[in-house]
Every structure is written in C-alpha cells, then in structure tokens.
Amino acid sequence: MARQNTNIIKNIEQTYLKNNLPIIHVGDTIRIGLLIQEGNKERVQFSEGVIIAISNANLNTTITLRRVFQGIGVEKVYLIHSPRITNIQIMRRSKVRRAKLYYLRNRSGKATRLKQKFIV
C-alpha cells in the first residue's frame, strides 16, 4: 500500500517538474529571475549570488543563494521548481571541493573569491 502511494505522489510531482533548468552546481554564480507581484502588476526581479548549498528532493529541490549586499551577507533559499521562478542564468562556474560552502559565511572581502572554472 505504501509503495502504491509513493508512485501516485511521484506521478503527480512529475507534472510540476521543470524541464528547462540548466545544470547547476555548488559554487556557481547565478542570476535568478523571480516573478514579483506588486498590486495588480507583475514584474521579474533578478537576484544574483553564489550557490552555497543544494538540497535535491525531486519537486522540493532547493538552492541557497548568498551575496554580500551593502556589507551584509544575505542568504536566500529558492525552490527551483517553483512557478514563480522564471529563469536561471549561470554567470560563472567555480572550482570547489566541498558540497556545502558554509565556510564563506565567516569570510569577507577578497577571501570569499572562488577560483573560476572555464568550460571548453
């Protein structure tokens, strides 16, 4: 019975998964377009930052984006299969040796730079 329920849930989730997402990794600097509603108007607001964590869970896959804004570190978790996210653009890739880059929280200035990885 439990196996049948998980199959039903997987089939329902499959309809909501996005197919047009780029392959993203921890350490990538991305620009993410988020649909914002102000009154009766909708507009796309872009947010840019480094991915410091990815949580893979099918429909509930999230990424944690970090950027320093006016000297303060700001982190935000995005549900990448959300209908509010219009597009994800990869600005640059970085060579990292960790699955989670939480150590960037304790660093500031030039110490937060990651070595760029060039794709041929």
PDB file of N, CA and C in Angstrom:
ATOM      1  N   MET A   1       0.821  -1.210   0.000  1.00  0.00           N
ATOM      2  CA  MET A   1       0.000   0.000   0.000  1.00  0.00           C
ATOM      3  C   MET A   1       0.864   1.272   0.000  1.00  0.00           C
ATOM      4  N   ALA A   2       1.922   1.260   0.808  1.00  0.00           N
ATOM      5  CA  ALA A   2       2.792   2.441   0.899  1.00  0.00           C
ATOM      6  C   ALA A   2       3.515   2.681  -0.418  1.00  0.00           C
ATOM      7  N   ARG A   3       3.925   1.603  -1.090  1.00  0.00           N
ATOM      8  CA  ARG A   3       4.626   1.734  -2.362  1.00  0.00           C
ATOM      9  C   ARG A   3       3.703   2.337  -3.418  1.00  0.00           C
ATOM     10  N   GLN A   4       2.441   1.952  -3.382  1.00  0.00           N
ATOM     11  CA  GLN A   4       1.478   2.483  -4.342  1.00  0.00           C
ATOM     12  C   GLN A   4       1.271   3.983  -4.117  1.00  0.00           C
ATOM     13  N   ASN A   5       1.242   4.413  -2.856  1.00  0.00           N
ATOM     14  CA  ASN A   5       1.070   5.834  -2.544  1.00  0.00           C
ATOM     15  C   ASN A   5       2.262   6.658  -3.038  1.00  0.00           C
ATOM     16  N   THR A   6       3.487   6.128  -2.884  1.00  0.00           N
ATOM     17  CA  THR A   6       4.659   6.873  -3.343  1.00  0.00           C
ATOM     18  C   THR A   6       4.667   6.992  -4.860  1.00  0.00           C
ATOM     19  N   ASN A   7       4.185   5.959  -5.552  1.00  0.00           N
ATOM     20  CA  ASN A   7       4.095   6.045  -7.011  1.00  0.00           C
ATOM     21  C   ASN A   7       3.083   7.102  -7.443  1.00  0.00           C
ATOM     22  N   ILE A   8       1.984   7.193  -6.741  1.00  0.00           N
ATOM     23  CA  ILE A   8       0.970   8.204  -7.048  1.00  0.00           C
ATOM     24  C   ILE A   8       1.553   9.607  -6.827  1.00  0.00           C
ATOM     25  N   ILE A   9       2.268   9.773  -5.724  1.00  0.00           N
ATOM     26  CA  ILE A   9       2.875  11.077  -5.421  1.00  0.00           C
ATOM     27  C   ILE A   9       3.910  11.437  -6.473  1.00  0.00           C
ATOM     28  N   LYS A  10       4.746  10.461  -6.877  1.00  0.00           N
ATOM     29  CA  LYS A  10       5.754  10.721  -7.913  1.00  0.00           C
ATOM     30  C   LYS A  10       5.110  11.138  -9.229  1.00  0.00           C
ATOM     31  N   ASN A  11       4.023  10.483  -9.599  1.00  0.00           N
ATOM     32  CA  ASN A  11       3.339  10.830 -10.849  1.00  0.00           C
ATOM     33  C   ASN A  11       2.766  12.239 -10.799  1.00  0.00           C
ATOM     34  N   ILE A  12       2.219  12.622  -9.664  1.00  0.00           N
ATOM     35  CA  ILE A  12       1.668  13.978  -9.527  1.00  0.00           C
ATOM     36  C   ILE A  12       2.800  15.009  -9.561  1.00  0.00           C
ATOM     37  N   GLU A  13       3.908  14.729  -8.858  1.00  0.00           N
ATOM     38  CA  GLU A  13       5.045  15.663  -8.843  1.00  0.00           C
ATOM     39  C   GLU A  13       5.663  15.809 -10.223  1.00  0.00           C
ATOM     40  N   GLN A  14       5.650  14.752 -11.016  1.00  0.00           N
ATOM     41  CA  GLN A  14       6.272  14.764 -12.343  1.00  0.00           C
ATOM     42  C   GLN A  14       5.672  15.845 -13.235  1.00  0.00           C
ATOM     43  N   THR A  15       4.386  16.129 -13.069  1.00  0.00           N
ATOM     44  CA  THR A  15       3.732  17.133 -13.912  1.00  0.00           C
ATOM     45  C   THR A  15       4.213  18.550 -13.589  1.00  0.00           C
ATOM     46  N   TYR A  16       4.706  18.770 -12.356  1.00  0.00           N
ATOM     47  CA  TYR A  16       5.118  20.110 -11.939  1.00  0.00           C
ATOM     48  C   TYR A  16       6.618  20.351 -12.072  1.00  0.00           C
ATOM     49  N   LEU A  17       7.396  19.317 -12.393  1.00  0.00           N
ATOM     50  CA  LEU A  17       8.840  19.492 -12.540  1.00  0.00           C
ATOM     51  C   LEU A  17       9.158  20.309 -13.780  1.00  0.00           C
ATOM     52  N   LYS A  18      10.153  21.200 -13.679  1.00  0.00           N
ATOM     53  CA  LYS A  18      10.584  21.991 -14.833  1.00  0.00           C
ATOM     54  C   LYS A  18      11.634  21.211 -15.618  1.00  0.00           C
ATOM     55  N   ASN A  19      11.543  21.276 -16.953  1.00  0.00           N
ATOM     56  CA  ASN A  19      12.490  20.556 -17.814  1.00  0.00           C
ATOM     57  C   ASN A  19      13.589  21.475 -18.324  1.00  0.00           C
ATOM     58  N   ASN A  20      13.348  22.782 -18.315  1.00  0.00           N
ATOM     59  CA  ASN A  20      14.263  23.722 -18.965  1.00  0.00           C
ATOM     60  C   ASN A  20      15.305  24.327 -18.027  1.00  0.00           C
ATOM     61  N   LEU A  21      15.559  23.697 -16.889  1.00  0.00           N
ATOM     62  CA  LEU A  21      16.538  24.233 -15.943  1.00  0.00           C
ATOM     63  C   LEU A  21      17.956  23.873 -16.376  1.00  0.00           C
ATOM     64  N   PRO A  22      18.905  24.802 -16.235  1.00  0.00           N
ATOM     65  CA  PRO A  22      20.299  24.465 -16.544  1.00  0.00           C
ATOM     66  C   PRO A  22      20.873  23.568 -15.450  1.00  0.00           C
ATOM     67  N   ILE A  23      21.972  22.907 -15.758  1.00  0.00           N
ATOM     68  CA  ILE A  23      22.641  22.079 -14.761  1.00  0.00           C
ATOM     69  C   ILE A  23      23.472  23.002 -13.884  1.00  0.00           C
ATOM     70  N   ILE A  24      23.107  23.068 -12.620  1.00  0.00           N
ATOM     71  CA  ILE A  24      23.786  23.977 -11.701  1.00  0.00           C
ATOM     72  C   ILE A  24      24.509  23.174 -10.630  1.00  0.00           C
ATOM     73  N   HIS A  25      25.607  23.740 -10.147  1.00  0.00           N
ATOM     74  CA  HIS A  25      26.429  23.090  -9.131  1.00  0.00           C
ATOM     75  C   HIS A  25      26.708  24.083  -8.010  1.00  0.00           C
ATOM     76  N   VAL A  26      27.152  23.554  -6.893  1.00  0.00           N
ATOM     77  CA  VAL A  26      27.572  24.406  -5.790  1.00  0.00           C
ATOM     78  C   VAL A  26      28.807  25.188  -6.243  1.00  0.00           C
ATOM     79  N   GLY A  27      28.841  26.472  -5.941  1.00  0.00           N
ATOM     80  CA  GLY A  27      29.955  27.327  -6.343  1.00  0.00           C
ATOM     81  C   GLY A  27      29.651  28.156  -7.578  1.00  0.00           C
ATOM     82  N   ASP A  28      28.572  27.847  -8.292  1.00  0.00           N
ATOM     83  CA  ASP A  28      28.200  28.633  -9.463  1.00  0.00           C
ATOM     84  C   ASP A  28      27.642  29.986  -9.029  1.00  0.00           C
ATOM     85  N   THR A  29      27.977  31.014  -9.777  1.00  0.00           N
ATOM     86  CA  THR A  29      27.348  32.316  -9.585  1.00  0.00           C
ATOM     87  C   THR A  29      26.211  32.390 -10.594  1.00  0.00           C
ATOM     88  N   ILE A  30      24.999  32.546 -10.091  1.00  0.00           N
ATOM     89  CA  ILE A  30      23.837  32.535 -10.976  1.00  0.00           C
ATOM     90  C   ILE A  30      23.033  33.811 -10.816  1.00  0.00           C
ATOM     91  N   ARG A  31      22.196  34.038 -11.803  1.00  0.00           N
ATOM     92  CA  ARG A  31      21.241  35.144 -11.793  1.00  0.00           C
ATOM     93  C   ARG A  31      19.874  34.512 -11.936  1.00  0.00           C
ATOM     94  N   ILE A  32      19.023  34.721 -10.964  1.00  0.00           N
ATOM     95  CA  ILE A  32      17.733  34.045 -10.907  1.00  0.00           C
ATOM     96  C   ILE A  32      16.625  35.085 -11.033  1.00  0.00           C
ATOM     97  N   GLY A  33      15.684  34.849 -11.938  1.00  0.00           N
ATOM     98  CA  GLY A  33      14.559  35.764 -12.156  1.00  0.00           C
ATOM     99  C   GLY A  33      13.343  35.304 -11.384  1.00  0.00           C
ATOM    100  N   LEU A  34      12.841  36.171 -10.518  1.00  0.00           N
ATOM    101  CA  LEU A  34      11.720  35.838  -9.646  1.00  0.00           C
ATOM    102  C   LEU A  34      10.540  36.735  -9.985  1.00  0.00           C
ATOM    103  N   LEU A  35       9.379  36.148 -10.167  1.00  0.00           N
ATOM    104  CA  LEU A  35       8.173  36.896 -10.503  1.00  0.00           C
ATOM    105  C   LEU A  35       7.616  37.530  -9.236  1.00  0.00           C
ATOM    106  N   ILE A  36       7.556  38.860  -9.207  1.00  0.00           N
ATOM    107  CA  ILE A  36       7.080  39.607  -8.049  1.00  0.00           C
ATOM    108  C   ILE A  36       5.757  40.266  -8.407  1.00  0.00           C
ATOM    109  N   GLN A  37       4.801  40.198  -7.491  1.00  0.00           N
ATOM    110  CA  GLN A  37       3.509  40.835  -7.735  1.00  0.00           C
ATOM    111  C   GLN A  37       3.396  42.075  -6.860  1.00  0.00           C
ATOM    112  N   GLU A  38       3.186  43.224  -7.513  1.00  0.00           N
ATOM    113  CA  GLU A  38       3.002  44.489  -6.803  1.00  0.00           C
ATOM    114  C   GLU A  38       1.640  45.039  -7.197  1.00  0.00           C
ATOM    115  N   GLY A  39       0.715  44.985  -6.272  1.00  0.00           N
ATOM    116  CA  GLY A  39      -0.650  45.414  -6.593  1.00  0.00           C
ATOM    117  C   GLY A  39      -1.252  44.464  -7.605  1.00  0.00           C
ATOM    118  N   ASN A  40      -1.635  45.011  -8.762  1.00  0.00           N
ATOM    119  CA  ASN A  40      -2.179  44.146  -9.817  1.00  0.00           C
ATOM    120  C   ASN A  40      -1.186  43.956 -10.954  1.00  0.00           C
ATOM    121  N   LYS A  41       0.063  44.414 -10.777  1.00  0.00           N
ATOM    122  CA  LYS A  41       1.094  44.249 -11.800  1.00  0.00           C
ATOM    123  C   LYS A  41       2.067  43.161 -11.387  1.00  0.00           C
ATOM    124  N   GLU A  42       2.655  42.504 -12.386  1.00  0.00           N
ATOM    125  CA  GLU A  42       3.701  41.519 -12.125  1.00  0.00           C
ATOM    126  C   GLU A  42       4.961  41.947 -12.858  1.00  0.00           C
ATOM    127  N   ARG A  43       6.104  41.738 -12.218  1.00  0.00           N
ATOM    128  CA  ARG A  43       7.379  42.046 -12.857  1.00  0.00           C
ATOM    129  C   ARG A  43       8.401  41.007 -12.416  1.00  0.00           C
ATOM    130  N   VAL A  44       9.489  40.930 -13.176  1.00  0.00           N
ATOM    131  CA  VAL A  44      10.551  39.985 -12.860  1.00  0.00           C
ATOM    132  C   VAL A  44      11.663  40.726 -12.130  1.00  0.00           C
ATOM    133  N   GLN A  45      12.009  40.234 -10.944  1.00  0.00           N
ATOM    134  CA  GLN A  45      13.097  40.816 -10.175  1.00  0.00           C
ATOM    135  C   GLN A  45      14.258  39.821 -10.178  1.00  0.00           C
ATOM    136  N   PHE A  46      15.449  40.295 -10.532  1.00  0.00           N
ATOM    137  CA  PHE A  46      16.608  39.424 -10.623  1.00  0.00           C
ATOM    138  C   PHE A  46      17.416  39.478  -9.337  1.00  0.00           C
ATOM    139  N   SER A  47      17.935  38.337  -8.954  1.00  0.00           N
ATOM    140  CA  SER A  47      18.798  38.229  -7.793  1.00  0.00           C
ATOM    141  C   SER A  47      20.034  37.446  -8.219  1.00  0.00           C
ATOM    142  N   GLU A  48      21.199  37.909  -7.811  1.00  0.00           N
ATOM    143  CA  GLU A  48      22.447  37.279  -8.231  1.00  0.00           C
ATOM    144  C   GLU A  48      23.249  36.888  -7.002  1.00  0.00           C
ATOM    145  N   GLY A  49      23.921  35.746  -7.073  1.00  0.00           N
ATOM    146  CA  GLY A  49      24.730  35.306  -5.952  1.00  0.00           C
ATOM    147  C   GLY A  49      25.379  33.966  -6.223  1.00  0.00           C
ATOM    148  N   VAL A  50      26.098  33.481  -5.210  1.00  0.00           N
ATOM    149  CA  VAL A  50      26.810  32.206  -5.294  1.00  0.00           C
ATOM    150  C   VAL A  50      25.959  31.134  -4.624  1.00  0.00           C
ATOM    151  N   ILE A  51      25.862  29.985  -5.275  1.00  0.00           N
ATOM    152  CA  ILE A  51      25.138  28.860  -4.680  1.00  0.00           C
ATOM    153  C   ILE A  51      26.049  28.238  -3.628  1.00  0.00           C
ATOM    154  N   ILE A  52      25.608  28.254  -2.364  1.00  0.00           N
ATOM    155  CA  ILE A  52      26.426  27.656  -1.315  1.00  0.00           C
ATOM    156  C   ILE A  52      25.886  26.302  -0.879  1.00  0.00           C
ATOM    157  N   ALA A  53      24.661  25.962  -1.269  1.00  0.00           N
ATOM    158  CA  ALA A  53      24.105  24.658  -0.901  1.00  0.00           C
ATOM    159  C   ALA A  53      22.997  24.277  -1.873  1.00  0.00           C
ATOM    160  N   ILE A  54      22.904  22.982  -2.145  1.00  0.00           N
ATOM    161  CA  ILE A  54      21.812  22.429  -2.947  1.00  0.00           C
ATOM    162  C   ILE A  54      21.214  21.273  -2.180  1.00  0.00           C
ATOM    163  N   SER A  55      19.903  21.256  -2.092  1.00  0.00           N
ATOM    164  CA  SER A  55      19.190  20.145  -1.470  1.00  0.00           C
ATOM    165  C   SER A  55      18.338  19.494  -2.539  1.00  0.00           C
ATOM    166  N   ASN A  56      18.704  18.286  -2.966  1.00  0.00           N
ATOM    167  CA  ASN A  56      17.977  17.591  -4.026  1.00  0.00           C
ATOM    168  C   ASN A  56      16.864  16.737  -3.436  1.00  0.00           C
ATOM    169  N   ALA A  57      15.630  17.062  -3.785  1.00  0.00           N
ATOM    170  CA  ALA A  57      14.478  16.289  -3.308  1.00  0.00           C
ATOM    171  C   ALA A  57      13.354  16.366  -4.329  1.00  0.00           C
ATOM    172  N   ASN A  58      13.655  15.974  -5.580  1.00  0.00           N
ATOM    173  CA  ASN A  58      12.672  15.991  -6.666  1.00  0.00           C
ATOM    174  C   ASN A  58      11.996  17.349  -6.799  1.00  0.00           C
ATOM    175  N   LEU A  59      10.714  17.422  -6.499  1.00  0.00           N
ATOM    176  CA  LEU A  59       9.972  18.677  -6.650  1.00  0.00           C
ATOM    177  C   LEU A  59      10.413  19.712  -5.612  1.00  0.00           C
ATOM    178  N   ASN A  60      10.871  19.256  -4.461  1.00  0.00           N
ATOM    179  CA  ASN A  60      11.265  20.152  -3.374  1.00  0.00           C
ATOM    180  C   ASN A  60      12.752  20.492  -3.401  1.00  0.00           C
ATOM    181  N   THR A  61      13.379  20.458  -4.569  1.00  0.00           N
ATOM    182  CA  THR A  61      14.793  20.793  -4.685  1.00  0.00           C
ATOM    183  C   THR A  61      14.988  22.285  -4.422  1.00  0.00           C
ATOM    184  N   THR A  62      15.914  22.594  -3.517  1.00  0.00           N
ATOM    185  CA  THR A  62      16.177  23.995  -3.177  1.00  0.00           C
ATOM    186  C   THR A  62      17.646  24.315  -3.369  1.00  0.00           C
ATOM    187  N   ILE A  63      17.914  25.606  -3.595  1.00  0.00           N
ATOM    188  CA  ILE A  63      19.278  26.110  -3.625  1.00  0.00           C
ATOM    189  C   ILE A  63      19.363  27.273  -2.646  1.00  0.00           C
ATOM    190  N   THR A  64      20.502  27.395  -1.999  1.00  0.00           N
ATOM    191  CA  THR A  64      20.742  28.521  -1.102  1.00  0.00           C
ATOM    192  C   THR A  64      21.693  29.469  -1.806  1.00  0.00           C
ATOM    193  N   LEU A  65      21.235  30.692  -2.003  1.00  0.00           N
ATOM    194  CA  LEU A  65      21.991  31.700  -2.735  1.00  0.00           C
ATOM    195  C   LEU A  65      22.534  32.723  -1.739  1.00  0.00           C
ATOM    196  N   ARG A  66      23.823  33.064  -1.865  1.00  0.00           N
ATOM    197  CA  ARG A  66      24.439  34.027  -0.956  1.00  0.00           C
ATOM    198  C   ARG A  66      25.083  35.151  -1.738  1.00  0.00           C
ATOM    199  N   ARG A  67      24.891  36.353  -1.248  1.00  0.00           N
ATOM    200  CA  ARG A  67      25.586  37.509  -1.797  1.00  0.00           C
ATOM    201  C   ARG A  67      25.764  38.537  -0.701  1.00  0.00           C
ATOM    202  N   VAL A  68      26.780  39.372  -0.853  1.00  0.00           N
ATOM    203  CA  VAL A  68      27.023  40.432   0.116  1.00  0.00           C
ATOM    204  C   VAL A  68      26.411  41.701  -0.445  1.00  0.00           C
ATOM    205  N   PHE A  69      25.480  42.277   0.308  1.00  0.00           N
ATOM    206  CA  PHE A  69      24.779  43.479  -0.125  1.00  0.00           C
ATOM    207  C   PHE A  69      24.985  44.555   0.925  1.00  0.00           C
ATOM    208  N   GLN A  70      25.636  45.649   0.530  1.00  0.00           N
ATOM    209  CA  GLN A  70      25.951  46.780   1.407  1.00  0.00           C
ATOM    210  C   GLN A  70      26.678  46.331   2.661  1.00  0.00           C
ATOM    211  N   GLY A  71      27.635  45.412   2.478  1.00  0.00           N
ATOM    212  CA  GLY A  71      28.460  44.955   3.585  1.00  0.00           C
ATOM    213  C   GLY A  71      27.842  43.894   4.470  1.00  0.00           C
ATOM    214  N   ILE A  72      26.632  43.475   4.160  1.00  0.00           N
ATOM    215  CA  ILE A  72      25.940  42.470   4.972  1.00  0.00           C
ATOM    216  C   ILE A  72      25.690  41.246   4.104  1.00  0.00           C
ATOM    217  N   GLY A  73      26.020  40.067   4.612  1.00  0.00           N
ATOM    218  CA  GLY A  73      25.776  38.828   3.877  1.00  0.00           C
ATOM    219  C   GLY A  73      24.307  38.463   3.910  1.00  0.00           C
ATOM    220  N   VAL A  74      23.735  38.228   2.718  1.00  0.00           N
ATOM    221  CA  VAL A  74      22.318  37.886   2.609  1.00  0.00           C
ATOM    222  C   VAL A  74      22.213  36.516   1.959  1.00  0.00           C
ATOM    223  N   GLU A  75      21.477  35.616   2.593  1.00  0.00           N
ATOM    224  CA  GLU A  75      21.248  34.290   2.036  1.00  0.00           C
ATOM    225  C   GLU A  75      19.756  34.085   1.852  1.00  0.00           C
ATOM    226  N   LYS A  76      19.412  33.435   0.751  1.00  0.00           N
ATOM    227  CA  LYS A  76      18.008  33.158   0.490  1.00  0.00           C
ATOM    228  C   LYS A  76      17.887  31.769  -0.112  1.00  0.00           C
ATOM    229  N   VAL A  77      16.879  31.045   0.301  1.00  0.00           N
ATOM    230  CA  VAL A  77      16.633  29.695  -0.195  1.00  0.00           C
ATOM    231  C   VAL A  77      15.538  29.778  -1.254  1.00  0.00           C
ATOM    232  N   TYR A  78      15.819  29.221  -2.431  1.00  0.00           N
ATOM    233  CA  TYR A  78      14.869  29.229  -3.539  1.00  0.00           C
ATOM    234  C   TYR A  78      14.445  27.811  -3.875  1.00  0.00           C
ATOM    235  N   LEU A  79      13.170  27.628  -4.092  1.00  0.00           N
ATOM    236  CA  LEU A  79      12.610  26.365  -4.581  1.00  0.00           C
ATOM    237  C   LEU A  79      12.691  26.431  -6.102  1.00  0.00           C
ATOM    238  N   ILE A  80      13.598  25.663  -6.728  1.00  0.00           N
ATOM    239  CA  ILE A  80      13.894  25.890  -8.141  1.00  0.00           C
ATOM    240  C   ILE A  80      12.780  25.448  -9.084  1.00  0.00           C
ATOM    241  N   HIS A  81      11.888  24.580  -8.636  1.00  0.00           N
ATOM    242  CA  HIS A  81      10.782  24.150  -9.498  1.00  0.00           C
ATOM    243  C   HIS A  81       9.521  24.994  -9.276  1.00  0.00           C
ATOM    244  N   SER A  82       9.668  26.086  -8.539  1.00  0.00           N
ATOM    245  CA  SER A  82       8.536  26.969  -8.257  1.00  0.00           C
ATOM    246  C   SER A  82       8.080  27.682  -9.527  1.00  0.00           C
ATOM    247  N   PRO A  83       6.782  27.852  -9.718  1.00  0.00           N
ATOM    248  CA  PRO A  83       6.304  28.603 -10.882  1.00  0.00           C
ATOM    249  C   PRO A  83       6.661  30.088 -10.820  1.00  0.00           C
ATOM    250  N   ARG A  84       7.058  30.596  -9.665  1.00  0.00           N
ATOM    251  CA  ARG A  84       7.459  31.993  -9.508  1.00  0.00           C
ATOM    252  C   ARG A  84       8.842  32.269 -10.104  1.00  0.00           C
ATOM    253  N   ILE A  85       9.655  31.239 -10.269  1.00  0.00           N
ATOM    254  CA  ILE A  85      10.988  31.415 -10.850  1.00  0.00           C
ATOM    255  C   ILE A  85      10.872  31.322 -12.361  1.00  0.00           C
ATOM    256  N   THR A  86      11.217  32.419 -13.034  1.00  0.00           N
ATOM    257  CA  THR A  86      11.071  32.459 -14.489  1.00  0.00           C
ATOM    258  C   THR A  86      12.274  31.898 -15.210  1.00  0.00           C
ATOM    259  N   ASN A  87      13.481  32.268 -14.774  1.00  0.00           N
ATOM    260  CA  ASN A  87      14.676  31.737 -15.436  1.00  0.00           C
ATOM    261  C   ASN A  87      15.863  31.733 -14.491  1.00  0.00           C
ATOM    262  N   ILE A  88      16.818  30.856 -14.818  1.00  0.00           N
ATOM    263  CA  ILE A  88      18.069  30.761 -14.078  1.00  0.00           C
ATOM    264  C   ILE A  88      19.188  30.853 -15.101  1.00  0.00           C
ATOM    265  N   GLN A  89      20.084  31.805 -14.885  1.00  0.00           N
ATOM    266  CA  GLN A  89      21.176  32.068 -15.814  1.00  0.00           C
ATOM    267  C   GLN A  89      22.496  31.868 -15.078  1.00  0.00           C
ATOM    268  N   ILE A  90      23.393  31.065 -15.629  1.00  0.00           N
ATOM    269  CA  ILE A  90      24.684  30.838 -14.994  1.00  0.00           C
ATOM    270  C   ILE A  90      25.650  31.915 -15.463  1.00  0.00           C
ATOM    271  N   MET A  91      26.172  32.694 -14.519  1.00  0.00           N
ATOM    272  CA  MET A  91      27.096  33.780 -14.848  1.00  0.00           C
ATOM    273  C   MET A  91      28.534  33.269 -14.915  1.00  0.00           C
ATOM    274  N   ARG A  92      28.924  32.445 -13.937  1.00  0.00           N
ATOM    275  CA  ARG A  92      30.262  31.849 -13.939  1.00  0.00           C
ATOM    276  C   ARG A  92      30.264  30.597 -13.085  1.00  0.00           C
ATOM    277  N   ARG A  93      31.166  29.700 -13.408  1.00  0.00           N
ATOM    278  CA  ARG A  93      31.325  28.471 -12.642  1.00  0.00           C
ATOM    279  C   ARG A  93      32.610  28.568 -11.843  1.00  0.00           C
ATOM    280  N   SER A  94      32.629  27.933 -10.691  1.00  0.00           N
ATOM    281  CA  SER A  94      33.815  27.953  -9.845  1.00  0.00           C
ATOM    282  C   SER A  94      34.223  26.540  -9.472  1.00  0.00           C
ATOM    283  N   LYS A  95      35.517  26.380  -9.271  1.00  0.00           N
ATOM    284  CA  LYS A  95      36.062  25.090  -8.863  1.00  0.00           C
ATOM    285  C   LYS A  95      35.981  25.019  -7.343  1.00  0.00           C
ATOM    286  N   VAL A  96      35.202  24.080  -6.835  1.00  0.00           N
ATOM    287  CA  VAL A  96      35.063  23.914  -5.389  1.00  0.00           C
ATOM    288  C   VAL A  96      35.287  22.448  -5.039  1.00  0.00           C
ATOM    289  N   ARG A  97      35.667  22.206  -3.787  1.00  0.00           N
ATOM    290  CA  ARG A  97      35.940  20.848  -3.335  1.00  0.00           C
ATOM    291  C   ARG A  97      35.038  20.460  -2.178  1.00  0.00           C
ATOM    292  N   ARG A  98      33.956  21.161  -2.024  1.00  0.00           N
ATOM    293  CA  ARG A  98      33.008  20.885  -0.944  1.00  0.00           C
ATOM    294  C   ARG A  98      31.596  20.807  -1.510  1.00  0.00           C
ATOM    295  N   ALA A  99      30.727  20.103  -0.816  1.00  0.00           N
ATOM    296  CA  ALA A  99      29.331  20.010  -1.215  1.00  0.00           C
ATOM    297  C   ALA A  99      28.543  21.203  -0.689  1.00  0.00           C
ATOM    298  N   LYS A 100      28.953  21.754   0.436  1.00  0.00           N
ATOM    299  CA  LYS A 100      28.313  22.925   1.027  1.00  0.00           C
ATOM    300  C   LYS A 100      29.398  23.959   1.314  1.00  0.00           C
ATOM    301  N   LEU A 101      29.162  25.194   0.923  1.00  0.00           N
ATOM    302  CA  LEU A 101      30.165  26.254   1.078  1.00  0.00           C
ATOM    303  C   LEU A 101      29.832  27.174   2.249  1.00  0.00           C
ATOM    304  N   TYR A 102      29.462  26.584   3.383  1.00  0.00           N
ATOM    305  CA  TYR A 102      29.095  27.385   4.540  1.00  0.00           C
ATOM    306  C   TYR A 102      30.273  28.156   5.115  1.00  0.00           C
ATOM    307  N   TYR A 103      31.501  27.757   4.781  1.00  0.00           N
ATOM    308  CA  TYR A 103      32.666  28.463   5.295  1.00  0.00           C
ATOM    309  C   TYR A 103      32.760  29.880   4.738  1.00  0.00           C
ATOM    310  N   LEU A 104      32.042  30.184   3.654  1.00  0.00           N
ATOM    311  CA  LEU A 104      32.061  31.535   3.095  1.00  0.00           C
ATOM    312  C   LEU A 104      31.387  32.538   4.031  1.00  0.00           C
ATOM    313  N   ARG A 105      30.560  32.048   4.954  1.00  0.00           N
ATOM    314  CA  ARG A 105      29.879  32.937   5.888  1.00  0.00           C
ATOM    315  C   ARG A 105      30.879  33.640   6.807  1.00  0.00           C
ATOM    316  N   ASN A 106      31.977  32.954   7.124  1.00  0.00           N
ATOM    317  CA  ASN A 106      32.953  33.506   8.067  1.00  0.00           C
ATOM    318  C   ASN A 106      34.018  34.345   7.388  1.00  0.00           C
ATOM    319  N   ARG A 107      33.962  34.470   6.079  1.00  0.00           N
ATOM    320  CA  ARG A 107      34.981  35.211   5.345  1.00  0.00           C
ATOM    321  C   ARG A 107      34.394  36.485   4.761  1.00  0.00           C
ATOM    322  N   SER A 108      35.279  37.452   4.522  1.00  0.00           N
ATOM    323  CA  SER A 108      34.800  38.699   3.939  1.00  0.00           C
ATOM    324  C   SER A 108      35.838  39.220   2.956  1.00  0.00           C
ATOM    325  N   GLY A 109      35.403  40.064   2.045  1.00  0.00           N
ATOM    326  CA  GLY A 109      36.300  40.693   1.090  1.00  0.00           C
ATOM    327  C   GLY A 109      36.877  39.717   0.088  1.00  0.00           C
ATOM    328  N   LYS A 110      38.176  39.829  -0.142  1.00  0.00           N
ATOM    329  CA  LYS A 110      38.831  39.006  -1.153  1.00  0.00           C
ATOM    330  C   LYS A 110      38.915  37.537  -0.753  1.00  0.00           C
ATOM    331  N   ALA A 111      38.751  37.244   0.514  1.00  0.00           N
ATOM    332  CA  ALA A 111      38.821  35.857   0.984  1.00  0.00           C
ATOM    333  C   ALA A 111      37.637  35.025   0.498  1.00  0.00           C
ATOM    334  N   THR A 112      36.586  35.694   0.022  1.00  0.00           N
ATOM    335  CA  THR A 112      35.405  34.956  -0.440  1.00  0.00           C
ATOM    336  C   THR A 112      35.487  34.582  -1.910  1.00  0.00           C
ATOM    337  N   ARG A 113      36.587  34.972  -2.588  1.00  0.00           N
ATOM    338  CA  ARG A 113      36.698  34.663  -4.008  1.00  0.00           C
ATOM    339  C   ARG A 113      36.876  33.168  -4.227  1.00  0.00           C
ATOM    340  N   LEU A 114      36.241  32.660  -5.273  1.00  0.00           N
ATOM    341  CA  LEU A 114      36.386  31.263  -5.661  1.00  0.00           C
ATOM    342  C   LEU A 114      37.106  31.208  -6.993  1.00  0.00           C
ATOM    343  N   LYS A 115      37.904  30.175  -7.191  1.00  0.00           N
ATOM    344  CA  LYS A 115      38.660  30.034  -8.434  1.00  0.00           C
ATOM    345  C   LYS A 115      37.710  29.674  -9.564  1.00  0.00           C
ATOM    346  N   GLN A 116      37.783  30.430 -10.652  1.00  0.00           N
ATOM    347  CA  GLN A 116      36.867  30.220 -11.777  1.00  0.00           C
ATOM    348  C   GLN A 116      37.239  28.972 -12.566  1.00  0.00           C
ATOM    349  N   LYS A 117      36.202  28.237 -12.997  1.00  0.00           N
ATOM    350  CA  LYS A 117      36.390  27.053 -13.809  1.00  0.00           C
ATOM    351  C   LYS A 117      35.887  27.372 -15.199  1.00  0.00           C
ATOM    352  N   PHE A 118      36.765  27.252 -16.196  1.00  0.00           N
ATOM    353  CA  PHE A 118      36.395  27.568 -17.557  1.00  0.00           C
ATOM    354  C   PHE A 118      35.919  26.317 -18.265  1.00  0.00           C
ATOM    355  N   ILE A 119      34.804  26.419 -18.971  1.00  0.00           N
ATOM    356  CA  ILE A 119      34.219  25.285 -19.678  1.00  0.00           C
ATOM    357  C   ILE A 119      34.561  25.421 -21.157  1.00  0.00           C
ATOM    358  N   VAL A 120      35.132  24.374 -21.698  1.00  0.00           N
ATOM    359  CA  VAL A 120      35.535  24.405 -23.112  1.00  0.00           C
ATOM    360  C   VAL A 120      34.452  23.818 -23.976  1.00  0.00           C
TER     361      VAL A 120
END
